[in-house]
Amino acid sequence: MLDTITLLKEKIDAKDILQNEPMSKHTTFKVGGNADLLIKVHNIEQIKFVLNIARDNNIPIFILGNGSNLLVKDKGIRGITLKPELKDIKIERKDKQVYVTVGSGNKMPEIAGRLLREEITGFEFAAGIPGTIGGFVRMNAGAYGSEARDIVTETTILTYDGNIKKIVGEEHHFEYRKSAFLNMKIIILDTKLKLSYGKKDEIQELMEKYRKSRFEKQPIEFPSAGSTFKRGNDFISAKLIDECGLKGYSIGGAMVSKKHAGFIVNTGNANAGDILELIDYVKKIVLENTGKELKLEIEIVGED
């Protein structure tokens, strides 16, 4: 590993190479074991450089966004955890539309703030999603009846062998909490959003409406990874969990939220094992009582 770190320092600042880094610092669940190496990269050249080192030395790679839809197991992540921090934002104003190309490392609330200042509407629904734009596109994330697919027109990706490609329109293969990128070994570099001209006061009013709704309905006072389970084809997971009497049920420091049964939260001292055990218990009880199988919306990585 020391040889790898020496190689990395040729193009990566030492402060951006973190050894045995606790993933609890990099996930919204605030749990998880250590990453062997967590590397922050700020441009495409650095990303390609790290990918080459990983390939030449047979080191596994995991791509990290904001860690907001992620549960890292207690023994952590082996190899390189790569965190792209691509923050460019380019705005193209046309007759009736505004096209905004956003670097994948930009956080959703920060993008929303920039668009508010620029009086650009269409992104308000996503303002409170606590991830990066890369994760937003990869998961086809959404809220309040809208999803990534409603505004994403084009995405630039980098394959692990160093090729840059453009994914356009239907090539994204967006489905509910899914895109083509889930099954591809790629890094999202940026994405282009199709938005509209708006009025600052109206944009702000809508963002505030959504903010209040989240505060009232979601357990934002506790660390979590957002909705733990996907909506089913013919059922709402949170409703089934509630009907099974599981609100407030806890294992260790993990608890089914008393405010919204679709969220498993960290009450302060949970570890990943507690959360995984609670997930399994909830799935078991719901299946026994309703015959419905819950599917995870969050991603689980790392070693037990």
C-alpha atoms as a PDB file:
ATOM      1  CA  MET A   1       0.000   0.000   0.000  1.00  0.00           C
ATOM      2  CA  LEU A   2       2.879   2.373   0.725  1.00  0.00           C
ATOM      3  CA  ASP A   3       4.134   1.934  -2.857  1.00  0.00           C
ATOM      4  CA  THR A   4       0.651   2.808  -4.125  1.00  0.00           C
ATOM      5  CA  ILE A   5       0.556   5.952  -1.997  1.00  0.00           C
ATOM      6  CA  THR A   6       3.969   7.013  -3.324  1.00  0.00           C
ATOM      7  CA  LEU A   7       2.678   6.625  -6.880  1.00  0.00           C
ATOM      8  CA  LEU A   8      -0.503   8.538  -6.108  1.00  0.00           C
ATOM      9  CA  LYS A   9       1.422  11.507  -4.701  1.00  0.00           C
ATOM     10  CA  GLU A  10       2.861  12.198  -8.172  1.00  0.00           C
ATOM     11  CA  LYS A  11      -0.437  13.894  -9.135  1.00  0.00           C
ATOM     12  CA  ILE A  12      -2.614  13.876  -6.016  1.00  0.00           C
ATOM     13  CA  ASP A  13      -2.098  16.290  -3.120  1.00  0.00           C
ATOM     14  CA  ALA A  14      -1.193  14.458   0.092  1.00  0.00           C
ATOM     15  CA  LYS A  15      -4.175  16.022   1.901  1.00  0.00           C
ATOM     16  CA  ASP A  16      -6.484  14.305  -0.599  1.00  0.00           C
ATOM     17  CA  ILE A  17      -5.081  10.821   0.118  1.00  0.00           C
ATOM     18  CA  LEU A  18      -6.673   9.510   3.303  1.00  0.00           C
ATOM     19  CA  GLN A  19      -5.484   6.180   4.760  1.00  0.00           C
ATOM     20  CA  ASN A  20      -7.724   3.978   6.917  1.00  0.00           C
ATOM     21  CA  GLU A  21     -10.407   6.653   6.707  1.00  0.00           C
ATOM     22  CA  PRO A  22     -13.580   6.043   8.777  1.00  0.00           C
ATOM     23  CA  MET A  23     -16.521   5.936   6.388  1.00  0.00           C
ATOM     24  CA  SER A  24     -18.725   7.203   9.194  1.00  0.00           C
ATOM     25  CA  LYS A  25     -17.271  10.619   8.259  1.00  0.00           C
ATOM     26  CA  HIS A  26     -18.432  10.279   4.661  1.00  0.00           C
ATOM     27  CA  THR A  27     -21.942   8.815   4.867  1.00  0.00           C
ATOM     28  CA  THR A  28     -25.196  10.368   6.034  1.00  0.00           C
ATOM     29  CA  PHE A  29     -25.864   7.225   8.132  1.00  0.00           C
ATOM     30  CA  LYS A  30     -22.722   8.156  10.149  1.00  0.00           C
ATOM     31  CA  VAL A  31     -21.647   4.500  10.361  1.00  0.00           C
ATOM     32  CA  GLY A  32     -19.197   2.226   8.566  1.00  0.00           C
ATOM     33  CA  GLY A  33     -15.715   0.817   8.899  1.00  0.00           C
ATOM     34  CA  ASN A  34     -12.543   2.248   7.390  1.00  0.00           C
ATOM     35  CA  ALA A  35     -11.710   2.660   3.725  1.00  0.00           C
ATOM     36  CA  ASP A  36      -8.168   1.430   3.020  1.00  0.00           C
ATOM     37  CA  LEU A  37      -7.591   4.526   0.889  1.00  0.00           C
ATOM     38  CA  LEU A  38     -10.022   7.371   0.247  1.00  0.00           C
ATOM     39  CA  ILE A  39      -8.828   9.622  -2.559  1.00  0.00           C
ATOM     40  CA  LYS A  40     -10.397  12.961  -3.493  1.00  0.00           C
ATOM     41  CA  VAL A  41      -9.918  13.972  -7.118  1.00  0.00           C
ATOM     42  CA  HIS A  42     -10.688  17.342  -8.683  1.00  0.00           C
ATOM     43  CA  ASN A  43     -10.296  16.873 -12.441  1.00  0.00           C
ATOM     44  CA  ILE A  44     -10.456  14.250 -15.181  1.00  0.00           C
ATOM     45  CA  GLU A  45      -6.649  13.937 -15.392  1.00  0.00           C
ATOM     46  CA  GLN A  46      -6.485  12.934 -11.727  1.00  0.00           C
ATOM     47  CA  ILE A  47      -9.344  10.448 -12.129  1.00  0.00           C
ATOM     48  CA  LYS A  48      -7.635   8.762 -15.087  1.00  0.00           C
ATOM     49  CA  PHE A  49      -4.357   8.678 -13.154  1.00  0.00           C
ATOM     50  CA  VAL A  50      -5.948   6.878 -10.187  1.00  0.00           C
ATOM     51  CA  LEU A  51      -7.809   4.457 -12.467  1.00  0.00           C
ATOM     52  CA  ASN A  52      -4.551   3.557 -14.215  1.00  0.00           C
ATOM     53  CA  ILE A  53      -2.798   2.880 -10.908  1.00  0.00           C
ATOM     54  CA  ALA A  54      -5.709   0.754  -9.724  1.00  0.00           C
ATOM     55  CA  ARG A  55      -5.767  -1.244 -12.955  1.00  0.00           C
ATOM     56  CA  ASP A  56      -1.990  -1.762 -13.102  1.00  0.00           C
ATOM     57  CA  ASN A  57      -1.896  -2.928  -9.471  1.00  0.00           C
ATOM     58  CA  ASN A  58      -5.142  -4.914  -9.476  1.00  0.00           C
ATOM     59  CA  ILE A  59      -6.677  -2.682  -6.796  1.00  0.00           C
ATOM     60  CA  PRO A  60     -10.484  -2.627  -6.503  1.00  0.00           C
ATOM     61  CA  ILE A  61     -12.214   0.733  -6.951  1.00  0.00           C
ATOM     62  CA  PHE A  62     -15.366   2.052  -5.289  1.00  0.00           C
ATOM     63  CA  ILE A  63     -16.852   5.393  -6.402  1.00  0.00           C
ATOM     64  CA  LEU A  64     -18.196   7.592  -3.594  1.00  0.00           C
ATOM     65  CA  GLY A  65     -20.578  10.513  -3.978  1.00  0.00           C
ATOM     66  CA  ASN A  66     -21.990  12.196  -0.890  1.00  0.00           C
ATOM     67  CA  GLY A  67     -22.651   8.863   0.839  1.00  0.00           C
ATOM     68  CA  SER A  68     -26.332   9.731   1.212  1.00  0.00           C
ATOM     69  CA  ASN A  69     -27.826   6.522  -0.194  1.00  0.00           C
ATOM     70  CA  LEU A  70     -25.178   4.239   1.210  1.00  0.00           C
ATOM     71  CA  LEU A  71     -24.563   1.812   4.059  1.00  0.00           C
ATOM     72  CA  VAL A  72     -20.925   0.811   4.542  1.00  0.00           C
ATOM     73  CA  LYS A  73     -20.427  -2.402   6.513  1.00  0.00           C
ATOM     74  CA  ASP A  74     -18.431  -2.407   9.743  1.00  0.00           C
ATOM     75  CA  LYS A  75     -15.201  -3.823   8.314  1.00  0.00           C
ATOM     76  CA  GLY A  76     -15.034  -1.080   5.729  1.00  0.00           C
ATOM     77  CA  ILE A  77     -14.008  -0.937   2.071  1.00  0.00           C
ATOM     78  CA  ARG A  78     -10.926  -2.553   0.601  1.00  0.00           C
ATOM     79  CA  GLY A  79      -8.826  -0.968  -2.126  1.00  0.00           C
ATOM     80  CA  ILE A  80      -9.416   2.600  -3.312  1.00  0.00           C
ATOM     81  CA  THR A  81     -12.524   4.616  -2.529  1.00  0.00           C
ATOM     82  CA  LEU A  82     -12.527   7.385  -5.138  1.00  0.00           C
ATOM     83  CA  LYS A  83     -14.418  10.597  -4.450  1.00  0.00           C
ATOM     84  CA  PRO A  84     -14.730  12.818  -7.545  1.00  0.00           C
ATOM     85  CA  GLU A  85     -15.145  16.465  -6.603  1.00  0.00           C
ATOM     86  CA  LEU A  86     -15.966  17.904 -10.025  1.00  0.00           C
ATOM     87  CA  LYS A  87     -17.703  21.200  -9.264  1.00  0.00           C
ATOM     88  CA  ASP A  88     -18.058  23.112 -12.550  1.00  0.00           C
ATOM     89  CA  ILE A  89     -21.461  24.546 -13.495  1.00  0.00           C
ATOM     90  CA  LYS A  90     -22.116  25.879 -17.021  1.00  0.00           C
ATOM     91  CA  ILE A  91     -25.337  27.725 -17.881  1.00  0.00           C
ATOM     92  CA  GLU A  92     -26.579  28.068 -21.474  1.00  0.00           C
ATOM     93  CA  ARG A  93     -29.574  30.365 -21.950  1.00  0.00           C
ATOM     94  CA  LYS A  94     -31.646  29.806 -25.090  1.00  0.00           C
ATOM     95  CA  ASP A  95     -34.976  31.216 -26.314  1.00  0.00           C
ATOM     96  CA  LYS A  96     -37.323  29.339 -23.999  1.00  0.00           C
ATOM     97  CA  GLN A  97     -35.050  26.851 -22.245  1.00  0.00           C
ATOM     98  CA  VAL A  98     -32.020  26.936 -20.001  1.00  0.00           C
ATOM     99  CA  TYR A  99     -29.470  24.121 -20.193  1.00  0.00           C
ATOM    100  CA  VAL A 100     -27.277  23.669 -17.130  1.00  0.00           C
ATOM    101  CA  THR A 101     -24.275  21.320 -17.255  1.00  0.00           C
ATOM    102  CA  VAL A 102     -23.286  20.304 -13.747  1.00  0.00           C
ATOM    103  CA  GLY A 103     -20.114  18.543 -12.564  1.00  0.00           C
ATOM    104  CA  SER A 104     -20.921  15.278 -10.799  1.00  0.00           C
ATOM    105  CA  GLY A 105     -19.457  16.341  -7.450  1.00  0.00           C
ATOM    106  CA  ASN A 106     -21.851  19.256  -6.956  1.00  0.00           C
ATOM    107  CA  LYS A 107     -24.258  18.744  -4.057  1.00  0.00           C
ATOM    108  CA  MET A 108     -27.949  19.099  -4.788  1.00  0.00           C
ATOM    109  CA  PRO A 109     -28.697  21.909  -2.282  1.00  0.00           C
ATOM    110  CA  GLU A 110     -25.739  23.906  -3.642  1.00  0.00           C
ATOM    111  CA  ILE A 111     -26.996  23.528  -7.201  1.00  0.00           C
ATOM    112  CA  ALA A 112     -30.470  24.605  -6.094  1.00  0.00           C
ATOM    113  CA  GLY A 113     -29.021  27.713  -4.461  1.00  0.00           C
ATOM    114  CA  ARG A 114     -27.126  28.664  -7.614  1.00  0.00           C
ATOM    115  CA  LEU A 115     -30.207  28.139  -9.791  1.00  0.00           C
ATOM    116  CA  LEU A 116     -32.300  30.239  -7.417  1.00  0.00           C
ATOM    117  CA  ARG A 117     -29.840  33.126  -7.765  1.00  0.00           C
ATOM    118  CA  GLU A 118     -29.887  32.721 -11.547  1.00  0.00           C
ATOM    119  CA  GLU A 119     -33.734  32.580 -11.571  1.00  0.00           C
ATOM    120  CA  ILE A 120     -33.840  29.143 -13.202  1.00  0.00           C
ATOM    121  CA  THR A 121     -36.776  26.881 -12.360  1.00  0.00           C
ATOM    122  CA  GLY A 122     -37.433  23.140 -12.646  1.00  0.00           C
ATOM    123  CA  PHE A 123     -34.946  21.917 -10.029  1.00  0.00           C
ATOM    124  CA  GLU A 124     -36.885  22.807  -6.891  1.00  0.00           C
ATOM    125  CA  PHE A 125     -38.078  19.250  -6.243  1.00  0.00           C
ATOM    126  CA  ALA A 126     -34.459  18.087  -5.957  1.00  0.00           C
ATOM    127  CA  ALA A 127     -33.180  20.870  -3.692  1.00  0.00           C
ATOM    128  CA  GLY A 128     -33.485  18.815  -0.510  1.00  0.00           C
ATOM    129  CA  ILE A 129     -32.000  15.571  -1.815  1.00  0.00           C
ATOM    130  CA  PRO A 130     -28.786  15.228   0.250  1.00  0.00           C
ATOM    131  CA  GLY A 131     -26.608  13.757  -2.487  1.00  0.00           C
ATOM    132  CA  THR A 132     -24.470  14.834  -5.410  1.00  0.00           C
ATOM    133  CA  ILE A 133     -25.736  15.258  -8.953  1.00  0.00           C
ATOM    134  CA  GLY A 134     -23.787  12.127  -9.924  1.00  0.00           C
ATOM    135  CA  GLY A 135     -25.701  10.025  -7.415  1.00  0.00           C
ATOM    136  CA  PHE A 136     -28.956  11.743  -8.381  1.00  0.00           C
ATOM    137  CA  VAL A 137     -28.550  10.657 -12.005  1.00  0.00           C
ATOM    138  CA  ARG A 138     -27.186   7.185 -11.217  1.00  0.00           C
ATOM    139  CA  MET A 139     -30.179   6.357  -8.989  1.00  0.00           C
ATOM    140  CA  ASN A 140     -32.772   8.352 -10.943  1.00  0.00           C
ATOM    141  CA  ALA A 141     -33.529   9.955  -7.598  1.00  0.00           C
ATOM    142  CA  GLY A 142     -36.618  12.024  -7.123  1.00  0.00           C
ATOM    143  CA  ALA A 143     -39.126  13.694  -4.830  1.00  0.00           C
ATOM    144  CA  TYR A 144     -42.594  15.257  -4.966  1.00  0.00           C
ATOM    145  CA  GLY A 145     -43.602  13.459  -8.155  1.00  0.00           C
ATOM    146  CA  SER A 146     -40.513  14.324 -10.209  1.00  0.00           C
ATOM    147  CA  GLU A 147     -37.314  12.382 -10.953  1.00  0.00           C
ATOM    148  CA  ALA A 148     -33.919  12.857 -12.581  1.00  0.00           C
ATOM    149  CA  ARG A 149     -35.295  11.561 -15.892  1.00  0.00           C
ATOM    150  CA  ASP A 150     -37.625  14.570 -16.092  1.00  0.00           C
ATOM    151  CA  ILE A 151     -34.749  17.043 -16.413  1.00  0.00           C
ATOM    152  CA  VAL A 152     -31.631  15.091 -17.495  1.00  0.00           C
ATOM    153  CA  THR A 153     -30.854  15.215 -21.228  1.00  0.00           C
ATOM    154  CA  GLU A 154     -27.213  14.144 -21.449  1.00  0.00           C
ATOM    155  CA  THR A 155     -24.532  12.653 -19.211  1.00  0.00           C
ATOM    156  CA  THR A 156     -20.778  12.476 -19.759  1.00  0.00           C
ATOM    157  CA  ILE A 157     -19.115   9.358 -18.362  1.00  0.00           C
ATOM    158  CA  LEU A 158     -15.579   8.018 -18.063  1.00  0.00           C
ATOM    159  CA  THR A 159     -15.102   4.273 -18.423  1.00  0.00           C
ATOM    160  CA  TYR A 160     -12.579   2.489 -16.223  1.00  0.00           C
ATOM    161  CA  ASP A 161     -10.322   2.029 -19.281  1.00  0.00           C
ATOM    162  CA  GLY A 162     -10.175   5.803 -19.774  1.00  0.00           C
ATOM    163  CA  ASN A 163     -12.705   6.471 -22.549  1.00  0.00           C
ATOM    164  CA  ILE A 164     -15.073   9.432 -22.336  1.00  0.00           C
ATOM    165  CA  LYS A 165     -18.606   8.854 -23.674  1.00  0.00           C
ATOM    166  CA  LYS A 166     -21.817  10.854 -23.957  1.00  0.00           C
ATOM    167  CA  ILE A 167     -25.072   9.194 -22.891  1.00  0.00           C
ATOM    168  CA  VAL A 168     -28.070  10.943 -24.438  1.00  0.00           C
ATOM    169  CA  GLY A 169     -31.817  10.786 -23.823  1.00  0.00           C
ATOM    170  CA  GLU A 170     -33.243   7.268 -23.781  1.00  0.00           C
ATOM    171  CA  GLU A 171     -29.738   5.789 -23.490  1.00  0.00           C
ATOM    172  CA  HIS A 172     -29.965   6.552 -19.771  1.00  0.00           C
ATOM    173  CA  HIS A 173     -32.569   3.769 -19.441  1.00  0.00           C
ATOM    174  CA  PHE A 174     -34.170   5.508 -16.500  1.00  0.00           C
ATOM    175  CA  GLU A 175     -36.570   3.474 -14.389  1.00  0.00           C
ATOM    176  CA  TYR A 176     -37.801   3.850 -10.823  1.00  0.00           C
ATOM    177  CA  ARG A 177     -34.617   4.433  -8.765  1.00  0.00           C
ATOM    178  CA  LYS A 178     -32.542   2.941 -11.528  1.00  0.00           C
ATOM    179  CA  SER A 179     -30.485   3.911 -14.574  1.00  0.00           C
ATOM    180  CA  ALA A 180     -28.107   2.277 -17.043  1.00  0.00           C
ATOM    181  CA  PHE A 181     -25.204   3.416 -14.853  1.00  0.00           C
ATOM    182  CA  LEU A 182     -26.002   0.998 -12.013  1.00  0.00           C
ATOM    183  CA  ASN A 183     -24.648  -1.869 -14.111  1.00  0.00           C
ATOM    184  CA  MET A 184     -21.704  -0.048 -15.678  1.00  0.00           C
ATOM    185  CA  LYS A 185     -18.118   0.356 -14.473  1.00  0.00           C
ATOM    186  CA  ILE A 186     -18.008   4.081 -15.097  1.00  0.00           C
ATOM    187  CA  ILE A 187     -17.583   7.428 -13.400  1.00  0.00           C
ATOM    188  CA  ILE A 188     -20.143  10.140 -14.091  1.00  0.00           C
ATOM    189  CA  LEU A 189     -18.286  13.350 -14.965  1.00  0.00           C
ATOM    190  CA  ASP A 190     -21.168  15.741 -15.582  1.00  0.00           C
ATOM    191  CA  THR A 191     -24.801  15.880 -16.600  1.00  0.00           C
ATOM    192  CA  LYS A 192     -26.864  18.367 -18.605  1.00  0.00           C
ATOM    193  CA  LEU A 193     -30.224  19.494 -17.213  1.00  0.00           C
ATOM    194  CA  LYS A 194     -33.073  20.972 -19.254  1.00  0.00           C
ATOM    195  CA  LEU A 195     -34.672  23.706 -17.148  1.00  0.00           C
ATOM    196  CA  SER A 196     -36.641  26.920 -17.653  1.00  0.00           C
ATOM    197  CA  TYR A 197     -36.633  30.618 -16.876  1.00  0.00           C
ATOM    198  CA  GLY A 198     -38.378  31.448 -13.618  1.00  0.00           C
ATOM    199  CA  LYS A 199     -38.971  34.133 -11.028  1.00  0.00           C
ATOM    200  CA  LYS A 200     -36.854  34.207  -7.914  1.00  0.00           C
ATOM    201  CA  ASP A 201     -39.711  34.690  -5.456  1.00  0.00           C
ATOM    202  CA  GLU A 202     -41.733  31.826  -6.974  1.00  0.00           C
ATOM    203  CA  ILE A 203     -38.731  29.486  -6.980  1.00  0.00           C
ATOM    204  CA  GLN A 204     -37.954  30.361  -3.371  1.00  0.00           C
ATOM    205  CA  GLU A 205     -41.578  29.853  -2.333  1.00  0.00           C
ATOM    206  CA  LEU A 206     -41.688  26.369  -3.860  1.00  0.00           C
ATOM    207  CA  MET A 207     -38.352  25.377  -2.309  1.00  0.00           C
ATOM    208  CA  GLU A 208     -39.592  26.549   1.080  1.00  0.00           C
ATOM    209  CA  LYS A 209     -42.816  24.558   0.665  1.00  0.00           C
ATOM    210  CA  TYR A 210     -40.813  21.393  -0.013  1.00  0.00           C
ATOM    211  CA  ARG A 211     -38.404  22.136   2.844  1.00  0.00           C
ATOM    212  CA  LYS A 212     -41.274  22.415   5.335  1.00  0.00           C
ATOM    213  CA  SER A 213     -42.809  19.193   4.019  1.00  0.00           C
ATOM    214  CA  ARG A 214     -39.533  17.316   4.526  1.00  0.00           C
ATOM    215  CA  PHE A 215     -39.165  18.696   8.039  1.00  0.00           C
ATOM    216  CA  GLU A 216     -42.704  17.673   8.976  1.00  0.00           C
ATOM    217  CA  LYS A 217     -42.707  14.216   7.367  1.00  0.00           C
ATOM    218  CA  GLN A 218     -39.115  12.961   7.398  1.00  0.00           C
ATOM    219  CA  PRO A 219     -36.821  12.210  10.366  1.00  0.00           C
ATOM    220  CA  ILE A 220     -34.148  14.671   9.336  1.00  0.00           C
ATOM    221  CA  GLU A 221     -33.142  15.080  12.999  1.00  0.00           C
ATOM    222  CA  PHE A 222     -31.444  11.650  12.851  1.00  0.00           C
ATOM    223  CA  PRO A 223     -28.690  10.321  10.567  1.00  0.00           C
ATOM    224  CA  SER A 224     -30.135   8.085   7.832  1.00  0.00           C
ATOM    225  CA  ALA A 225     -29.679   7.198   4.183  1.00  0.00           C
ATOM    226  CA  GLY A 226     -33.092   8.504   3.170  1.00  0.00           C
ATOM    227  CA  SER A 227     -35.825   6.035   2.250  1.00  0.00           C
ATOM    228  CA  THR A 228     -34.507   2.582   3.117  1.00  0.00           C
ATOM    229  CA  PHE A 229     -36.924   0.593   0.955  1.00  0.00           C
ATOM    230  CA  LYS A 230     -38.242   1.081  -2.559  1.00  0.00           C
ATOM    231  CA  ARG A 231     -41.914   1.546  -3.310  1.00  0.00           C
ATOM    232  CA  GLY A 232     -43.472  -1.660  -4.620  1.00  0.00           C
ATOM    233  CA  ASN A 233     -45.509  -2.004  -7.803  1.00  0.00           C
ATOM    234  CA  ASP A 234     -48.720  -2.300  -5.800  1.00  0.00           C
ATOM    235  CA  PHE A 235     -47.770  -1.086  -2.325  1.00  0.00           C
ATOM    236  CA  ILE A 236     -46.053   1.669  -0.370  1.00  0.00           C
ATOM    237  CA  SER A 237     -43.330   0.150   1.796  1.00  0.00           C
ATOM    238  CA  ALA A 238     -43.664   2.673   4.632  1.00  0.00           C
ATOM    239  CA  LYS A 239     -47.394   1.971   4.908  1.00  0.00           C
ATOM    240  CA  LEU A 240     -46.829  -1.794   5.200  1.00  0.00           C
ATOM    241  CA  ILE A 241     -44.083  -1.312   7.804  1.00  0.00           C
ATOM    242  CA  ASP A 242     -46.370   0.960   9.809  1.00  0.00           C
ATOM    243  CA  GLU A 243     -49.284  -1.494   9.568  1.00  0.00           C
ATOM    244  CA  CYS A 244     -46.998  -4.233  10.907  1.00  0.00           C
ATOM    245  CA  GLY A 245     -46.457  -2.150  14.053  1.00  0.00           C
ATOM    246  CA  LEU A 246     -42.765  -1.595  13.432  1.00  0.00           C
ATOM    247  CA  LYS A 247     -42.549   2.170  13.925  1.00  0.00           C
ATOM    248  CA  GLY A 248     -40.072   2.793  16.718  1.00  0.00           C
ATOM    249  CA  TYR A 249     -38.767  -0.789  16.698  1.00  0.00           C
ATOM    250  CA  SER A 250     -35.029  -0.776  17.344  1.00  0.00           C
ATOM    251  CA  ILE A 251     -32.005  -3.029  17.352  1.00  0.00           C
ATOM    252  CA  GLY A 252     -28.963  -1.524  19.042  1.00  0.00           C
ATOM    253  CA  GLY A 253     -28.739   2.077  17.887  1.00  0.00           C
ATOM    254  CA  ALA A 254     -30.798   1.505  14.729  1.00  0.00           C
ATOM    255  CA  MET A 255     -34.511   2.326  14.757  1.00  0.00           C
ATOM    256  CA  VAL A 256     -37.477   2.353  12.403  1.00  0.00           C
ATOM    257  CA  SER A 257     -38.363   6.039  12.437  1.00  0.00           C
ATOM    258  CA  LYS A 258     -41.366   6.998  14.533  1.00  0.00           C
ATOM    259  CA  LYS A 259     -42.065   9.821  12.096  1.00  0.00           C
ATOM    260  CA  HIS A 260     -41.789   7.913   8.792  1.00  0.00           C
ATOM    261  CA  ALA A 261     -41.690   4.108   8.785  1.00  0.00           C
ATOM    262  CA  GLY A 262     -39.834   4.049   5.457  1.00  0.00           C
ATOM    263  CA  PHE A 263     -36.705   5.393   7.153  1.00  0.00           C
ATOM    264  CA  ILE A 264     -34.303   3.434   9.313  1.00  0.00           C
ATOM    265  CA  VAL A 265     -32.327   5.904  11.400  1.00  0.00           C
ATOM    266  CA  ASN A 266     -29.206   5.975  13.536  1.00  0.00           C
ATOM    267  CA  THR A 267     -30.317   7.168  16.968  1.00  0.00           C
ATOM    268  CA  GLY A 268     -26.732   8.024  17.853  1.00  0.00           C
ATOM    269  CA  ASN A 269     -24.716   4.904  18.555  1.00  0.00           C
ATOM    270  CA  ALA A 270     -25.671   2.476  15.791  1.00  0.00           C
ATOM    271  CA  ASN A 271     -23.200   0.455  13.799  1.00  0.00           C
ATOM    272  CA  ALA A 272     -23.773  -1.000  10.355  1.00  0.00           C
ATOM    273  CA  GLY A 273     -24.477  -4.405  11.876  1.00  0.00           C
ATOM    274  CA  ASP A 274     -27.412  -2.964  13.855  1.00  0.00           C
ATOM    275  CA  ILE A 275     -28.858  -1.396  10.712  1.00  0.00           C
ATOM    276  CA  LEU A 276     -28.445  -4.556   8.633  1.00  0.00           C
ATOM    277  CA  GLU A 277     -30.055  -6.677  11.332  1.00  0.00           C
ATOM    278  CA  LEU A 278     -32.989  -4.269  11.558  1.00  0.00           C
ATOM    279  CA  ILE A 279     -33.399  -4.235   7.773  1.00  0.00           C
ATOM    280  CA  ASP A 280     -33.576  -8.035   7.739  1.00  0.00           C
ATOM    281  CA  TYR A 281     -36.056  -8.068  10.616  1.00  0.00           C
ATOM    282  CA  VAL A 282     -38.355  -5.518   8.950  1.00  0.00           C
ATOM    283  CA  LYS A 283     -38.266  -7.447   5.655  1.00  0.00           C
ATOM    284  CA  LYS A 284     -39.052 -10.702   7.504  1.00  0.00           C
ATOM    285  CA  ILE A 285     -42.020  -9.309   9.465  1.00  0.00           C
ATOM    286  CA  VAL A 286     -43.520  -7.548   6.442  1.00  0.00           C
ATOM    287  CA  LEU A 287     -43.211 -10.695   4.317  1.00  0.00           C
ATOM    288  CA  GLU A 288     -44.790 -12.861   7.030  1.00  0.00           C
ATOM    289  CA  ASN A 289     -47.688 -10.482   7.612  1.00  0.00           C
ATOM    290  CA  THR A 290     -48.413  -9.179   4.113  1.00  0.00           C
ATOM    291  CA  GLY A 291     -46.747 -11.526   1.647  1.00  0.00           C
ATOM    292  CA  LYS A 292     -44.891  -8.543   0.167  1.00  0.00           C
ATOM    293  CA  GLU A 293     -41.125  -8.578  -0.308  1.00  0.00           C
ATOM    294  CA  LEU A 294     -39.416  -5.282   0.429  1.00  0.00           C
ATOM    295  CA  LYS A 295     -36.534  -4.221  -1.839  1.00  0.00           C
ATOM    296  CA  LEU A 296     -33.736  -1.930  -0.689  1.00  0.00           C
ATOM    297  CA  GLU A 297     -33.374   1.552  -2.088  1.00  0.00           C
ATOM    298  CA  ILE A 298     -30.031   2.066  -0.360  1.00  0.00           C
ATOM    299  CA  GLU A 299     -26.767   0.531  -1.538  1.00  0.00           C
ATOM    300  CA  ILE A 300     -24.755  -1.718   0.783  1.00  0.00           C
ATOM    301  CA  VAL A 301     -20.993  -2.011   0.320  1.00  0.00           C
ATOM    302  CA  GLY A 302     -17.929  -3.203   2.214  1.00  0.00           C
ATOM    303  CA  GLU A 303     -16.994  -6.205   4.307  1.00  0.00           C
ATOM    304  CA  ASP A 304     -18.931  -7.618   7.299  1.00  0.00           C
END
